[in-house]
Each structure stands twice: as C-alpha cells, then as structure tokens.
Amino acid sequence: MVLDIQALSKSYGETPALQEISLQVRQGELLTLLGPSGSGKTTLLKVIAGFEAPTSGRVLLRGRDISRLSPARRGVGMVFQNYALFPHMTVAQNVAYGLKLRRVGRAERERRVREMLGLVRLEGLEGRYPRQLSGGQQQRVALGRALAYDPEVILMDEPLGALDRALRIEMEEQIRGIHRELGATIVYVTHDQQEALALSDRIAIMRAGRVASVGEPAQIYTRPADSFVAGFFANANLLAVREHELLGDGSARVRCGDGEVRCASTAKAGDRVTLAVRRRSLWRACAPGSLRVAGVVSEMLLFGDEQEISIQSPEFGRIVATIDSRDCGGIVLGAELELFVSAEEAVLVPCV
C-alpha cells in the first residue's frame, strides 16, 4: 500500500464536501476517482495533494502522516486539467522545474529532462514555449513535469477534460503506456465512465462526498453495488420489481413485469430493490429464461455501428437499449417493439 486515506472528512463551514472516506491505493496501480459534479472527487484529490486541509482524518504516504505537510513536502506529483505550465519557460525548463526545486544537479536534471521528453514523445521540442504547442502537447509537458522527479504518487485532475475526442483517445493510450512502463502509482479524477473503464486498475465511485463503491472496472460494471452505481457507471435501466426472494448463493428469484428470472444480486435482506439491466444487455432475440420488455419506440439515435433505441413501456416507463445497427431492421418510431434480457445480464440491486 502506498497511500492510505483514513476516515477523511472536509467541510466548508456547515457544508460537508467529504464524509468519513477511507480508501487505500496500492503500489503501481491506477485508481480512478469517478463521480458526477459535486461528488467530492476533486476535493479529495486536493486534500491528498495538500491544497486543502482536512477537517478530520489522515492521509498516510507509505505509513507517514502527510496530512499537515505543504504540497512541496508531500512527494506527490500533480497534473491539472488546465496544464498549469509556466508560459515564460520553455518545454525543457517546465519539465525541469520540480527537479530544480529539489536541488538536483544540472547534469542529472538534463538527463531526466531528456528521458521524460522521450517518454512523452516530445523530443525536438525542448526549446518551444507553451503557446507554441497544441493542447495535447501541453498536456504531455505537464505529465513529463509531474513524472520527472519520480514522485511516490501522481495525482491527475481531469487531465483530458480540455481535449477533443481524438486527442483524448491518443492521451489515454499514452497514459496507459507510461503507467505500464514506469509502474507509477496514479490517482486519476474523471467524470467520464468510458475514460475510467479504459484506464483504471480499480475505480472508486463517489457520491455526495462518500465512496459508493470500489473495485475492478469489470466487477463494478457487471455487479453494481446499488442503483446509483448501476445508473451512473453502467447507464443501466432500473426496472420496478414486483416480488423477489434472496437465495443463499448470491442470486435472487425476481418477478418483474409479466416474467420471472433468477439472477445475480448485490442486495441484502430488508433492502428496497430494483432490477438493473444494462443498455447493451437488451436484445431482440429471446433466449430461454429471458425477461421480456415491450413498448412503443419513442426515440432512435444513430451512433455509427450502434443505435440507441428508447421505448415507452407500460410496465417500466422509458427503457433505453443499445443495439447493433445491423439488427435494427424494421424498427421505426411509433412501432411496437419487444426486447429481451437474459438472466445472466440482469442484477438485483438495493435502491439508494
């Protein structure tokens, strides 16, 4: 364990921003803090970095309490959304800045700058100024600067938020490559679910200043902890349940609409429950044991190889399915449509 966050809270006056957060970050992993605006993810990052002081709780870095240290003494690197480069410094000077603060000798500084510029693919641009670079190049300079002095943890606050889609995909690939090559420990903040899925070893989903769920991306996506995680992370439809019975093997028997399925469950006895069904889990073909969802097509959106189909169902209200465009023949606005979800693709979750 590199970073250990213990019962951390932060309030602004009477308004709580973080509430009793406990979270551990392992050596060499990329942990993403994911959540909607106002969930507390950036505040948590600022407390770890030292830009905000906690109201209570502690932040330990390899067992050392850094909760009250200044940012410069914490041994963490920071990459901001707006790059935060020094406009009067060249690329090489920006990358060398942290090394110079730490009184690293000139020869070693120059070696590290060359190494970092090679790592972030900016060789030959050493003498340029930030204004002479593209957004993606500026973000790579910021990443090289954060990595240059080999910090214990790299903190990234929405680093790709200001980039267009093509650059975001390119930078995601670069961050993955650098993470694998260096084995760096990274805490990464985003509100973008696809970005989190693409980059993360583990994801901590935040809601209202608390951690709602922590786990590997596939685990959270396929077995969400509750209705918020299912809706926010997996864009799942939440179907009203008529009756349910929790079974001893982690599954449940669920009556929903005019059908019944036996499916996975993350609910406990006494929970109010709903059935989570991901948009890509709804098909036109009916497999044995499937649950039927029927209604009138109310909206169709084309996304290249896929179409997003909204239907208005008498039993469940608005349901959204993502279907391969090749399988959408005959689907038109106002038409009746039957869709099916297999038991393996549904999860009974507690309502929050």
Foldseek 3Di string as FASTA:
>chain_A
DFKWWAQFWAADVPRTQAGGETDDFDQLFEEEEAEDPSLNQVVVLCQLQQVDATPDTFMAGVNHTCRNPHNLPNLEFEAEQVLPFDQVAFLLCRLLVNVVVVVPDPVLSVVLSVVLCVLLVNPPRRGHGPVVDDLLVSSSSSVSSRPSVPGQEYEYEPNCVVDDPVSLVVVLVSVQVVSVVVSHGYYYYDHDLVSCLSRGQKYFYGGSNYGPDIDGLVCCQQAPAADVSLCRNQVWAWFAWDDKDDDDPQWIWTHGDPAIAIAGENDDPPFRKTKTFGQAQKAQDDDPRKDKFKFFFADWDDDDQWIWTWGQTPRGGIDIHIGGPVRCPPRDGGDIGMIIGHRHRMYMHGHD
